[in-house]
């Protein structure tokens, strides 16, 4: 993969970078259906892009965080 397409993937995902950090925020509805814990099959494309960025750009520790929201009916 060339630098242009890697930069395109980073731009598409809204990745923010500094000299030491890459931040990618994904909306929960991209990965999960409401009130479910299984990752959507179509989320594989997005996660593959995240994996590409990690593989090509990471130079140290990697921290992956996740959060849930409680919505009451």
Protein backbone atom coordinates (compact mmCIF):
# COMPACT_ATOMS: atom_id res chain seq x y z
CA UNK A 1 0.00 0.00 0.00
CA UNK A 2 1.38 3.38 -0.90
CA UNK A 3 1.46 6.48 1.29
CA UNK A 4 -1.28 8.21 -0.69
CA UNK A 5 -3.81 5.44 -0.09
CA UNK A 6 -2.77 5.07 3.57
CA UNK A 7 -3.31 8.79 4.03
CA UNK A 8 -6.67 8.41 2.26
CA UNK A 9 -7.74 5.68 4.70
CA UNK A 10 -6.66 7.82 7.63
CA UNK A 11 -8.60 10.77 6.24
CA UNK A 12 -11.67 8.62 5.58
CA UNK A 13 -11.70 7.43 9.20
CA UNK A 14 -11.03 10.93 10.54
CA UNK A 15 -7.75 9.88 12.15
CA UNK A 16 -6.02 12.65 14.08
CA UNK A 17 -2.26 12.47 14.46
CA UNK A 18 0.53 14.11 16.40
CA UNK A 19 4.20 13.13 16.57
CA UNK A 20 3.38 10.49 19.18
CA UNK A 21 -0.35 9.65 18.89
CA UNK A 22 -2.89 8.48 16.34
CA UNK A 23 -6.53 8.83 17.42
CA UNK A 24 -9.38 7.18 15.56
CA UNK A 25 -12.91 7.57 16.91
CA UNK A 26 -15.55 5.24 15.49
CA UNK A 27 -19.24 5.73 16.07
CA UNK A 28 -20.90 2.86 17.89
CA UNK A 29 -23.54 2.40 15.20
CA UNK A 30 -20.78 1.66 12.68
CA UNK A 31 -19.76 -1.43 14.64
CA UNK A 32 -22.80 -2.56 16.60
CA UNK A 33 -26.56 -2.71 16.31
CA UNK A 34 -28.53 -1.05 19.11
CA UNK A 35 -28.63 -3.16 22.28
CA UNK A 36 -26.31 -5.82 20.80
CA UNK A 37 -22.75 -6.84 21.57
CA UNK A 38 -21.92 -8.67 18.33
CA UNK A 39 -19.89 -6.72 15.79
CA UNK A 40 -21.80 -6.15 12.55
CA UNK A 41 -20.48 -8.18 9.59
CA UNK A 42 -20.18 -4.99 7.52
CA UNK A 43 -17.92 -3.49 10.21
CA UNK A 44 -15.10 -5.73 8.94
CA UNK A 45 -14.21 -3.16 6.27
CA UNK A 46 -13.88 -0.36 8.83
CA UNK A 47 -11.92 -2.54 11.23
CA UNK A 48 -9.62 -3.68 8.41
CA UNK A 49 -8.83 -0.01 7.74
CA UNK A 50 -8.05 0.54 11.42
CA UNK A 51 -5.82 -2.55 11.36
CA UNK A 52 -4.00 -1.19 8.31
CA UNK A 53 -3.27 2.09 10.07
CA UNK A 54 -2.04 0.26 13.17
CA UNK A 55 0.14 -2.07 11.08
CA UNK A 56 1.71 0.69 9.01
CA UNK A 57 1.93 3.58 11.48
CA UNK A 58 2.21 2.20 15.04
CA UNK A 59 5.65 2.55 16.58
CA UNK A 60 5.07 1.64 20.20
CA UNK A 61 2.28 0.77 22.57
CA UNK A 62 -1.26 0.52 21.27
CA UNK A 63 -4.26 1.44 23.40
CA UNK A 64 -7.74 0.51 22.22
CA UNK A 65 -10.65 1.82 24.27
CA UNK A 66 -14.33 1.16 24.05
CA UNK A 67 -17.31 2.72 25.75
CA UNK A 68 -20.95 1.83 26.05
CA UNK A 69 -23.94 4.02 26.48
CA UNK A 70 -26.93 3.19 28.60
CA UNK A 71 -30.20 4.10 26.99
CA UNK A 72 -33.33 3.43 28.94
CA UNK A 73 -36.70 2.83 27.29
